[in-house]
Amino acid sequence: MFLVLAYLDSQQTPTSPPIDLPPAKRKGLFEFSKETFEAHRTLSFFGLINTTRDGRRERDYISDYHEFGAGEPHTFALTASGLNEPAIPVMIDALEQMLLFDL
């Protein structure tokens, strides 16, 4: 997932829309599953990417799917300093957060 986002980021221009990976794009271009896509959660916890989700989403679902439809896909951005941080303290902090949020 990180390599796909890094590749897509390398193709961005200042006027490009945010990076998104709706199901057709992730399956058609990169041939990976929803499970691989879900790695975005861990990458976010480790501070490697920023994830923006539809404000109507509550974790994995739309709060009123029937009224609002499926919602907008998540968008992603690599963090500028994500790989410059010392790995061990970042991982420990992220794992502690994951335990708190029961992920």
PDB file of N, CA and C in Angstrom:
ATOM      1  N   MET A   1       0.830  -1.189   0.000  1.00  0.00           N
ATOM      2  CA  MET A   1       0.000   0.000   0.000  1.00  0.00           C
ATOM      3  C   MET A   1       0.875   1.254   0.000  1.00  0.00           C
ATOM      4  N   PHE A   2       1.924   1.255   0.818  1.00  0.00           N
ATOM      5  CA  PHE A   2       2.796   2.430   0.868  1.00  0.00           C
ATOM      6  C   PHE A   2       3.461   2.661  -0.486  1.00  0.00           C
ATOM      7  N   LEU A   3       3.929   1.605  -1.122  1.00  0.00           N
ATOM      8  CA  LEU A   3       4.591   1.766  -2.417  1.00  0.00           C
ATOM      9  C   LEU A   3       3.624   2.282  -3.486  1.00  0.00           C
ATOM     10  N   VAL A   4       2.393   1.820  -3.448  1.00  0.00           N
ATOM     11  CA  VAL A   4       1.386   2.320  -4.398  1.00  0.00           C
ATOM     12  C   VAL A   4       1.143   3.807  -4.166  1.00  0.00           C
ATOM     13  N   LEU A   5       0.990   4.195  -2.900  1.00  0.00           N
ATOM     14  CA  LEU A   5       0.770   5.615  -2.609  1.00  0.00           C
ATOM     15  C   LEU A   5       1.991   6.452  -2.974  1.00  0.00           C
ATOM     16  N   ALA A   6       3.190   5.913  -2.751  1.00  0.00           N
ATOM     17  CA  ALA A   6       4.404   6.647  -3.129  1.00  0.00           C
ATOM     18  C   ALA A   6       4.467   6.812  -4.646  1.00  0.00           C
ATOM     19  N   TYR A   7       4.097   5.771  -5.380  1.00  0.00           N
ATOM     20  CA  TYR A   7       4.075   5.865  -6.843  1.00  0.00           C
ATOM     21  C   TYR A   7       3.060   6.922  -7.294  1.00  0.00           C
ATOM     22  N   LEU A   8       1.839   6.842  -6.762  1.00  0.00           N
ATOM     23  CA  LEU A   8       0.812   7.807  -7.154  1.00  0.00           C
ATOM     24  C   LEU A   8       1.219   9.226  -6.769  1.00  0.00           C
ATOM     25  N   ASP A   9       1.862   9.379  -5.620  1.00  0.00           N
ATOM     26  CA  ASP A   9       2.343  10.688  -5.188  1.00  0.00           C
ATOM     27  C   ASP A   9       3.384  11.231  -6.162  1.00  0.00           C
ATOM     28  N   SER A  10       4.232  10.353  -6.689  1.00  0.00           N
ATOM     29  CA  SER A  10       5.276  10.791  -7.617  1.00  0.00           C
ATOM     30  C   SER A  10       4.687  11.290  -8.935  1.00  0.00           C
ATOM     31  N   GLN A  11       3.444  10.919  -9.226  1.00  0.00           N
ATOM     32  CA  GLN A  11       2.775  11.336 -10.450  1.00  0.00           C
ATOM     33  C   GLN A  11       1.973  12.628 -10.263  1.00  0.00           C
ATOM     34  N   GLN A  12       1.889  13.108  -9.024  1.00  0.00           N
ATOM     35  CA  GLN A  12       1.091  14.296  -8.718  1.00  0.00           C
ATOM     36  C   GLN A  12       1.752  15.578  -9.232  1.00  0.00           C
ATOM     37  N   THR A  13       0.919  16.527  -9.590  1.00  0.00           N
ATOM     38  CA  THR A  13       1.355  17.883  -9.924  1.00  0.00           C
ATOM     39  C   THR A  13       0.685  18.817  -8.914  1.00  0.00           C
ATOM     40  N   PRO A  14       1.083  20.073  -8.861  1.00  0.00           N
ATOM     41  CA  PRO A  14       0.438  20.982  -7.909  1.00  0.00           C
ATOM     42  C   PRO A  14      -1.079  21.112  -8.094  1.00  0.00           C
ATOM     43  N   THR A  15      -1.572  20.835  -9.274  1.00  0.00           N
ATOM     44  CA  THR A  15      -3.015  20.961  -9.513  1.00  0.00           C
ATOM     45  C   THR A  15      -3.748  19.617  -9.504  1.00  0.00           C
ATOM     46  N   SER A  16      -3.045  18.533  -9.192  1.00  0.00           N
ATOM     47  CA  SER A  16      -3.687  17.212  -9.154  1.00  0.00           C
ATOM     48  C   SER A  16      -4.682  17.131  -7.998  1.00  0.00           C
ATOM     49  N   PRO A  17      -5.747  16.366  -8.196  1.00  0.00           N
ATOM     50  CA  PRO A  17      -6.659  16.132  -7.072  1.00  0.00           C
ATOM     51  C   PRO A  17      -5.968  15.238  -6.040  1.00  0.00           C
ATOM     52  N   PRO A  18      -6.515  15.155  -4.831  1.00  0.00           N
ATOM     53  CA  PRO A  18      -5.908  14.265  -3.829  1.00  0.00           C
ATOM     54  C   PRO A  18      -5.876  12.822  -4.326  1.00  0.00           C
ATOM     55  N   ILE A  19      -4.955  12.066  -3.802  1.00  0.00           N
ATOM     56  CA  ILE A  19      -4.829  10.654  -4.183  1.00  0.00           C
ATOM     57  C   ILE A  19      -5.993   9.880  -3.578  1.00  0.00           C
ATOM     58  N   ASP A  20      -6.681   9.112  -4.410  1.00  0.00           N
ATOM     59  CA  ASP A  20      -7.717   8.220  -3.910  1.00  0.00           C
ATOM     60  C   ASP A  20      -7.528   6.842  -4.530  1.00  0.00           C
ATOM     61  N   LEU A  21      -8.122   5.845  -3.904  1.00  0.00           N
ATOM     62  CA  LEU A  21      -8.038   4.478  -4.410  1.00  0.00           C
ATOM     63  C   LEU A  21      -9.390   3.790  -4.281  1.00  0.00           C
ATOM     64  N   PRO A  22     -10.381   4.211  -5.083  1.00  0.00           N
ATOM     65  CA  PRO A  22     -11.657   3.506  -5.042  1.00  0.00           C
ATOM     66  C   PRO A  22     -11.467   2.069  -5.519  1.00  0.00           C
ATOM     67  N   PRO A  23     -12.408   1.180  -5.209  1.00  0.00           N
ATOM     68  CA  PRO A  23     -12.241  -0.238  -5.531  1.00  0.00           C
ATOM     69  C   PRO A  23     -11.827  -0.531  -6.973  1.00  0.00           C
ATOM     70  N   ALA A  24     -12.449   0.117  -7.949  1.00  0.00           N
ATOM     71  CA  ALA A  24     -12.112  -0.172  -9.356  1.00  0.00           C
ATOM     72  C   ALA A  24     -10.655   0.171  -9.663  1.00  0.00           C
ATOM     73  N   LYS A  25     -10.181   1.249  -9.107  1.00  0.00           N
ATOM     74  CA  LYS A  25      -8.796   1.679  -9.346  1.00  0.00           C
ATOM     75  C   LYS A  25      -7.802   0.738  -8.671  1.00  0.00           C
ATOM     76  N   ARG A  26      -8.053   0.394  -7.416  1.00  0.00           N
ATOM     77  CA  ARG A  26      -7.094  -0.469  -6.714  1.00  0.00           C
ATOM     78  C   ARG A  26      -7.084  -1.882  -7.268  1.00  0.00           C
ATOM     79  N   LYS A  27      -8.216  -2.356  -7.760  1.00  0.00           N
ATOM     80  CA  LYS A  27      -8.259  -3.689  -8.347  1.00  0.00           C
ATOM     81  C   LYS A  27      -7.755  -3.686  -9.777  1.00  0.00           C
ATOM     82  N   GLY A  28      -8.181  -2.689 -10.552  1.00  0.00           N
ATOM     83  CA  GLY A  28      -7.836  -2.644 -11.967  1.00  0.00           C
ATOM     84  C   GLY A  28      -6.384  -2.291 -12.234  1.00  0.00           C
ATOM     85  N   LEU A  29      -5.863  -1.291 -11.518  1.00  0.00           N
ATOM     86  CA  LEU A  29      -4.489  -0.850 -11.761  1.00  0.00           C
ATOM     87  C   LEU A  29      -3.451  -1.602 -10.936  1.00  0.00           C
ATOM     88  N   PHE A  30      -3.812  -1.939  -9.698  1.00  0.00           N
ATOM     89  CA  PHE A  30      -2.807  -2.486  -8.787  1.00  0.00           C
ATOM     90  C   PHE A  30      -3.101  -3.903  -8.337  1.00  0.00           C
ATOM     91  N   GLU A  31      -4.278  -4.402  -8.681  1.00  0.00           N
ATOM     92  CA  GLU A  31      -4.662  -5.787  -8.405  1.00  0.00           C
ATOM     93  C   GLU A  31      -4.507  -6.169  -6.944  1.00  0.00           C
ATOM     94  N   PHE A  32      -4.891  -5.268  -6.043  1.00  0.00           N
ATOM     95  CA  PHE A  32      -4.894  -5.703  -4.653  1.00  0.00           C
ATOM     96  C   PHE A  32      -6.272  -5.582  -4.035  1.00  0.00           C
ATOM     97  N   SER A  33      -6.440  -6.334  -2.967  1.00  0.00           N
ATOM     98  CA  SER A  33      -7.743  -6.532  -2.346  1.00  0.00           C
ATOM     99  C   SER A  33      -8.057  -5.455  -1.316  1.00  0.00           C
ATOM    100  N   LYS A  34      -9.246  -5.522  -0.783  1.00  0.00           N
ATOM    101  CA  LYS A  34      -9.653  -4.620   0.293  1.00  0.00           C
ATOM    102  C   LYS A  34      -8.745  -4.809   1.508  1.00  0.00           C
ATOM    103  N   GLU A  35      -8.315  -6.031   1.762  1.00  0.00           N
ATOM    104  CA  GLU A  35      -7.438  -6.292   2.902  1.00  0.00           C
ATOM    105  C   GLU A  35      -6.115  -5.549   2.755  1.00  0.00           C
ATOM    106  N   THR A  36      -5.555  -5.538   1.564  1.00  0.00           N
ATOM    107  CA  THR A  36      -4.321  -4.791   1.321  1.00  0.00           C
ATOM    108  C   THR A  36      -4.592  -3.299   1.468  1.00  0.00           C
ATOM    109  N   PHE A  37      -5.716  -2.850   0.949  1.00  0.00           N
ATOM    110  CA  PHE A  37      -6.103  -1.443   1.065  1.00  0.00           C
ATOM    111  C   PHE A  37      -6.180  -1.015   2.528  1.00  0.00           C
ATOM    112  N   GLU A  38      -6.656  -1.894   3.391  1.00  0.00           N
ATOM    113  CA  GLU A  38      -6.822  -1.561   4.804  1.00  0.00           C
ATOM    114  C   GLU A  38      -5.498  -1.274   5.507  1.00  0.00           C
ATOM    115  N   ALA A  39      -4.380  -1.551   4.863  1.00  0.00           N
ATOM    116  CA  ALA A  39      -3.071  -1.207   5.437  1.00  0.00           C
ATOM    117  C   ALA A  39      -2.946   0.297   5.635  1.00  0.00           C
ATOM    118  N   HIS A  40      -3.817   1.082   4.985  1.00  0.00           N
ATOM    119  CA  HIS A  40      -3.750   2.530   5.176  1.00  0.00           C
ATOM    120  C   HIS A  40      -3.925   2.902   6.638  1.00  0.00           C
ATOM    121  N   ARG A  41      -4.654   2.114   7.395  1.00  0.00           N
ATOM    122  CA  ARG A  41      -4.844   2.402   8.818  1.00  0.00           C
ATOM    123  C   ARG A  41      -3.509   2.336   9.568  1.00  0.00           C
ATOM    124  N   THR A  42      -2.767   1.282   9.332  1.00  0.00           N
ATOM    125  CA  THR A  42      -1.474   1.117   9.997  1.00  0.00           C
ATOM    126  C   THR A  42      -0.496   2.188   9.531  1.00  0.00           C
ATOM    127  N   LEU A  43      -0.475   2.465   8.247  1.00  0.00           N
ATOM    128  CA  LEU A  43       0.415   3.504   7.732  1.00  0.00           C
ATOM    129  C   LEU A  43       0.098   4.858   8.361  1.00  0.00           C
ATOM    130  N   SER A  44      -1.178   5.126   8.586  1.00  0.00           N
ATOM    131  CA  SER A  44      -1.565   6.373   9.252  1.00  0.00           C
ATOM    132  C   SER A  44      -1.070   6.395  10.695  1.00  0.00           C
ATOM    133  N   PHE A  45      -1.262   5.289  11.413  1.00  0.00           N
ATOM    134  CA  PHE A  45      -0.804   5.222  12.797  1.00  0.00           C
ATOM    135  C   PHE A  45       0.711   5.405  12.899  1.00  0.00           C
ATOM    136  N   PHE A  46       1.443   4.893  11.914  1.00  0.00           N
ATOM    137  CA  PHE A  46       2.899   5.028  11.937  1.00  0.00           C
ATOM    138  C   PHE A  46       3.368   6.383  11.429  1.00  0.00           C
ATOM    139  N   GLY A  47       2.432   7.239  11.043  1.00  0.00           N
ATOM    140  CA  GLY A  47       2.780   8.588  10.623  1.00  0.00           C
ATOM    141  C   GLY A  47       3.376   8.675   9.231  1.00  0.00           C
ATOM    142  N   LEU A  48       3.148   7.657   8.401  1.00  0.00           N
ATOM    143  CA  LEU A  48       3.702   7.653   7.046  1.00  0.00           C
ATOM    144  C   LEU A  48       2.775   8.297   6.029  1.00  0.00           C
ATOM    145  N   ILE A  49       1.481   8.284   6.323  1.00  0.00           N
ATOM    146  CA  ILE A  49       0.507   8.905   5.427  1.00  0.00           C
ATOM    147  C   ILE A  49      -0.541   9.642   6.252  1.00  0.00           C
ATOM    148  N   ASN A  50      -1.233  10.563   5.604  1.00  0.00           N
ATOM    149  CA  ASN A  50      -2.423  11.194   6.161  1.00  0.00           C
ATOM    150  C   ASN A  50      -3.612  10.674   5.372  1.00  0.00           C
ATOM    151  N   THR A  51      -4.639  10.270   6.086  1.00  0.00           N
ATOM    152  CA  THR A  51      -5.850   9.766   5.454  1.00  0.00           C
ATOM    153  C   THR A  51      -6.987  10.731   5.732  1.00  0.00           C
ATOM    154  N   THR A  52      -7.704  11.115   4.679  1.00  0.00           N
ATOM    155  CA  THR A  52      -8.892  11.942   4.827  1.00  0.00           C
ATOM    156  C   THR A  52     -10.067  11.096   4.374  1.00  0.00           C
ATOM    157  N   ARG A  53     -11.068  11.031   5.224  1.00  0.00           N
ATOM    158  CA  ARG A  53     -12.231  10.208   4.859  1.00  0.00           C
ATOM    159  C   ARG A  53     -13.472  11.072   4.794  1.00  0.00           C
ATOM    160  N   ASP A  54     -14.478  10.575   4.140  1.00  0.00           N
ATOM    161  CA  ASP A  54     -15.766  11.240   4.052  1.00  0.00           C
ATOM    162  C   ASP A  54     -16.259  11.482   5.485  1.00  0.00           C
ATOM    163  N   GLY A  55     -16.662  12.696   5.776  1.00  0.00           N
ATOM    164  CA  GLY A  55     -17.110  13.041   7.113  1.00  0.00           C
ATOM    165  C   GLY A  55     -18.312  12.255   7.589  1.00  0.00           C
ATOM    166  N   ARG A  56     -19.030  11.656   6.677  1.00  0.00           N
ATOM    167  CA  ARG A  56     -20.198  10.848   7.060  1.00  0.00           C
ATOM    168  C   ARG A  56     -19.801   9.452   7.497  1.00  0.00           C
ATOM    169  N   ARG A  57     -18.557   9.073   7.258  1.00  0.00           N
ATOM    170  CA  ARG A  57     -18.138   7.716   7.607  1.00  0.00           C
ATOM    171  C   ARG A  57     -17.878   7.597   9.101  1.00  0.00           C
ATOM    172  N   GLU A  58     -18.333   6.513   9.652  1.00  0.00           N
ATOM    173  CA  GLU A  58     -18.032   6.160  11.030  1.00  0.00           C
ATOM    174  C   GLU A  58     -17.273   4.845  10.982  1.00  0.00           C
ATOM    175  N   ARG A  59     -15.951   4.943  11.078  1.00  0.00           N
ATOM    176  CA  ARG A  59     -15.023   3.825  10.942  1.00  0.00           C
ATOM    177  C   ARG A  59     -15.185   3.169   9.569  1.00  0.00           C
ATOM    178  N   ASP A  60     -15.972   2.104   9.439  1.00  0.00           N
ATOM    179  CA  ASP A  60     -16.017   1.363   8.181  1.00  0.00           C
ATOM    180  C   ASP A  60     -17.338   1.484   7.431  1.00  0.00           C
ATOM    181  N   TYR A  61     -18.208   2.363   7.851  1.00  0.00           N
ATOM    182  CA  TYR A  61     -19.489   2.438   7.172  1.00  0.00           C
ATOM    183  C   TYR A  61     -19.997   3.876   7.140  1.00  0.00           C
ATOM    184  N   ILE A  62     -20.983   4.109   6.289  1.00  0.00           N
ATOM    185  CA  ILE A  62     -21.649   5.405   6.209  1.00  0.00           C
ATOM    186  C   ILE A  62     -22.781   5.389   7.233  1.00  0.00           C
ATOM    187  N   SER A  63     -22.914   6.457   8.004  1.00  0.00           N
ATOM    188  CA  SER A  63     -23.909   6.456   9.074  1.00  0.00           C
ATOM    189  C   SER A  63     -25.337   6.356   8.543  1.00  0.00           C
ATOM    190  N   ASP A  64     -25.636   6.942   7.395  1.00  0.00           N
ATOM    191  CA  ASP A  64     -26.971   6.825   6.811  1.00  0.00           C
ATOM    192  C   ASP A  64     -26.810   6.489   5.335  1.00  0.00           C
ATOM    193  N   TYR A  65     -26.398   5.278   5.064  1.00  0.00           N
ATOM    194  CA  TYR A  65     -26.087   4.806   3.721  1.00  0.00           C
ATOM    195  C   TYR A  65     -27.255   5.005   2.763  1.00  0.00           C
ATOM    196  N   HIS A  66     -28.474   4.723   3.219  1.00  0.00           N
ATOM    197  CA  HIS A  66     -29.640   4.803   2.331  1.00  0.00           C
ATOM    198  C   HIS A  66     -29.932   6.233   1.897  1.00  0.00           C
ATOM    199  N   GLU A  67     -29.701   7.196   2.761  1.00  0.00           N
ATOM    200  CA  GLU A  67     -29.983   8.584   2.415  1.00  0.00           C
ATOM    201  C   GLU A  67     -28.858   9.221   1.610  1.00  0.00           C
ATOM    202  N   PHE A  68     -27.591   8.912   1.953  1.00  0.00           N
ATOM    203  CA  PHE A  68     -26.458   9.622   1.373  1.00  0.00           C
ATOM    204  C   PHE A  68     -25.669   8.831   0.326  1.00  0.00           C
ATOM    205  N   GLY A  69     -25.971   7.569   0.138  1.00  0.00           N
ATOM    206  CA  GLY A  69     -25.200   6.769  -0.807  1.00  0.00           C
ATOM    207  C   GLY A  69     -23.911   6.265  -0.171  1.00  0.00           C
ATOM    208  N   ALA A  70     -23.024   5.741  -0.986  1.00  0.00           N
ATOM    209  CA  ALA A  70     -21.825   5.074  -0.475  1.00  0.00           C
ATOM    210  C   ALA A  70     -20.779   6.050   0.056  1.00  0.00           C
ATOM    211  N   GLY A  71     -20.891   7.316  -0.243  1.00  0.00           N
ATOM    212  CA  GLY A  71     -19.912   8.276   0.252  1.00  0.00           C
ATOM    213  C   GLY A  71     -18.720   8.404  -0.667  1.00  0.00           C
ATOM    214  N   GLU A  72     -17.847   9.303  -0.309  1.00  0.00           N
ATOM    215  CA  GLU A  72     -16.650   9.562  -1.103  1.00  0.00           C
ATOM    216  C   GLU A  72     -15.516   8.644  -0.657  1.00  0.00           C
ATOM    217  N   PRO A  73     -14.621   8.279  -1.582  1.00  0.00           N
ATOM    218  CA  PRO A  73     -13.495   7.424  -1.181  1.00  0.00           C
ATOM    219  C   PRO A  73     -12.516   8.202  -0.304  1.00  0.00           C
ATOM    220  N   HIS A  74     -11.768   7.456   0.498  1.00  0.00           N
ATOM    221  CA  HIS A  74     -10.698   8.067   1.276  1.00  0.00           C
ATOM    222  C   HIS A  74      -9.708   8.723   0.317  1.00  0.00           C
ATOM    223  N   THR A  75      -9.045   9.762   0.773  1.00  0.00           N
ATOM    224  CA  THR A  75      -7.930  10.334   0.024  1.00  0.00           C
ATOM    225  C   THR A  75      -6.697  10.269   0.903  1.00  0.00           C
ATOM    226  N   PHE A  76      -5.532  10.258   0.258  1.00  0.00           N
ATOM    227  CA  PHE A  76      -4.285  10.015   0.967  1.00  0.00           C
ATOM    228  C   PHE A  76      -3.214  11.008   0.555  1.00  0.00           C
ATOM    229  N   ALA A  77      -2.296  11.251   1.477  1.00  0.00           N
ATOM    230  CA  ALA A  77      -1.113  12.058   1.194  1.00  0.00           C
ATOM    231  C   ALA A  77       0.037  11.487   2.010  1.00  0.00           C
ATOM    232  N   LEU A  78       1.192  11.384   1.387  1.00  0.00           N
ATOM    233  CA  LEU A  78       2.376  10.968   2.135  1.00  0.00           C
ATOM    234  C   LEU A  78       2.764  12.099   3.072  1.00  0.00           C
ATOM    235  N   THR A  79       3.233  11.764   4.261  1.00  0.00           N
ATOM    236  CA  THR A  79       3.689  12.814   5.166  1.00  0.00           C
ATOM    237  C   THR A  79       5.104  13.207   4.775  1.00  0.00           C
ATOM    238  N   ALA A  80       5.383  14.480   4.873  1.00  0.00           N
ATOM    239  CA  ALA A  80       6.682  14.997   4.426  1.00  0.00           C
ATOM    240  C   ALA A  80       7.844  14.384   5.204  1.00  0.00           C
ATOM    241  N   SER A  81       7.662  14.152   6.489  1.00  0.00           N
ATOM    242  CA  SER A  81       8.777  13.657   7.298  1.00  0.00           C
ATOM    243  C   SER A  81       8.556  12.235   7.800  1.00  0.00           C
ATOM    244  N   GLY A  82       7.582  11.537   7.249  1.00  0.00           N
ATOM    245  CA  GLY A  82       7.219  10.213   7.748  1.00  0.00           C
ATOM    246  C   GLY A  82       8.371   9.242   7.900  1.00  0.00           C
ATOM    247  N   LEU A  83       9.268   9.209   6.941  1.00  0.00           N
ATOM    248  CA  LEU A  83      10.384   8.260   7.004  1.00  0.00           C
ATOM    249  C   LEU A  83      11.619   8.846   7.693  1.00  0.00           C
ATOM    250  N   ASN A  84      11.536  10.091   8.133  1.00  0.00           N
ATOM    251  CA  ASN A  84      12.676  10.724   8.799  1.00  0.00           C
ATOM    252  C   ASN A  84      12.636  10.578  10.315  1.00  0.00           C
ATOM    253  N   GLU A  85      11.559  10.043  10.854  1.00  0.00           N
ATOM    254  CA  GLU A  85      11.417   9.889  12.295  1.00  0.00           C
ATOM    255  C   GLU A  85      12.097   8.600  12.763  1.00  0.00           C
ATOM    256  N   PRO A  86      12.596   8.567  14.013  1.00  0.00           N
ATOM    257  CA  PRO A  86      13.175   7.326  14.540  1.00  0.00           C
ATOM    258  C   PRO A  86      12.084   6.252  14.642  1.00  0.00           C
ATOM    259  N   ALA A  87      12.332   5.112  14.052  1.00  0.00           N
ATOM    260  CA  ALA A  87      11.294   4.091  13.882  1.00  0.00           C
ATOM    261  C   ALA A  87      10.786   3.501  15.194  1.00  0.00           C
ATOM    262  N   ILE A  88      11.664   3.177  16.110  1.00  0.00           N
ATOM    263  CA  ILE A  88      11.233   2.454  17.317  1.00  0.00           C
ATOM    264  C   ILE A  88      10.254   3.273  18.157  1.00  0.00           C
ATOM    265  N   PRO A  89      10.546   4.541  18.502  1.00  0.00           N
ATOM    266  CA  PRO A  89       9.549   5.287  19.288  1.00  0.00           C
ATOM    267  C   PRO A  89       8.231   5.488  18.539  1.00  0.00           C
ATOM    268  N   VAL A  90       8.298   5.702  17.234  1.00  0.00           N
ATOM    269  CA  VAL A  90       7.075   5.875  16.446  1.00  0.00           C
ATOM    270  C   VAL A  90       6.257   4.600  16.472  1.00  0.00           C
ATOM    271  N   MET A  91       6.901   3.455  16.304  1.00  0.00           N
ATOM    272  CA  MET A  91       6.188   2.176  16.308  1.00  0.00           C
ATOM    273  C   MET A  91       5.566   1.900  17.672  1.00  0.00           C
ATOM    274  N   ILE A  92       6.305   2.167  18.739  1.00  0.00           N
ATOM    275  CA  ILE A  92       5.767   1.934  20.084  1.00  0.00           C
ATOM    276  C   ILE A  92       4.540   2.811  20.311  1.00  0.00           C
ATOM    277  N   ASP A  93       4.634   4.093  19.979  1.00  0.00           N
ATOM    278  CA  ASP A  93       3.491   4.995  20.131  1.00  0.00           C
ATOM    279  C   ASP A  93       2.298   4.523  19.305  1.00  0.00           C
ATOM    280  N   ALA A  94       2.555   4.124  18.065  1.00  0.00           N
ATOM    281  CA  ALA A  94       1.473   3.684  17.180  1.00  0.00           C
ATOM    282  C   ALA A  94       0.816   2.413  17.708  1.00  0.00           C
ATOM    283  N   LEU A  95       1.620   1.480  18.171  1.00  0.00           N
ATOM    284  CA  LEU A  95       1.051   0.233  18.697  1.00  0.00           C
ATOM    285  C   LEU A  95       0.239   0.491  19.959  1.00  0.00           C
ATOM    286  N   GLU A  96       0.687   1.414  20.796  1.00  0.00           N
ATOM    287  CA  GLU A  96      -0.096   1.777  21.978  1.00  0.00           C
ATOM    288  C   GLU A  96      -1.425   2.408  21.565  1.00  0.00           C
ATOM    289  N   GLN A  97      -1.419   3.261  20.551  1.00  0.00           N
ATOM    290  CA  GLN A  97      -2.664   3.858  20.058  1.00  0.00           C
ATOM    291  C   GLN A  97      -3.589   2.789  19.492  1.00  0.00           C
ATOM    292  N   MET A  98      -3.027   1.841  18.756  1.00  0.00           N
ATOM    293  CA  MET A  98      -3.840   0.780  18.178  1.00  0.00           C
ATOM    294  C   MET A  98      -4.519  -0.028  19.290  1.00  0.00           C
ATOM    295  N   LEU A  99      -3.794  -0.302  20.366  1.00  0.00           N
ATOM    296  CA  LEU A  99      -4.392  -1.028  21.479  1.00  0.00           C
ATOM    297  C   LEU A  99      -5.518  -0.237  22.120  1.00  0.00           C
ATOM    298  N   LEU A 100      -5.328   1.081  22.245  1.00  0.00           N
ATOM    299  CA  LEU A 100      -6.369   1.931  22.814  1.00  0.00           C
ATOM    300  C   LEU A 100      -7.615   1.954  21.950  1.00  0.00           C
ATOM    301  N   PHE A 101      -7.435   1.950  20.630  1.00  0.00           N
ATOM    302  CA  PHE A 101      -8.569   1.993  19.713  1.00  0.00           C
ATOM    303  C   PHE A 101      -9.055   0.616  19.314  1.00  0.00           C
ATOM    304  N   ASP A 102      -8.409  -0.422  19.836  1.00  0.00           N
ATOM    305  CA  ASP A 102      -8.809  -1.813  19.567  1.00  0.00           C
ATOM    306  C   ASP A 102      -8.848  -2.124  18.088  1.00  0.00           C
ATOM    307  N   LEU A 103      -7.732  -1.799  17.377  1.00  0.00           N
ATOM    308  CA  LEU A 103      -7.654  -2.072  15.940  1.00  0.00           C
ATOM    309  C   LEU A 103      -6.939  -3.367  15.675  1.00  0.00           C
TER     310      LEU A 103
END
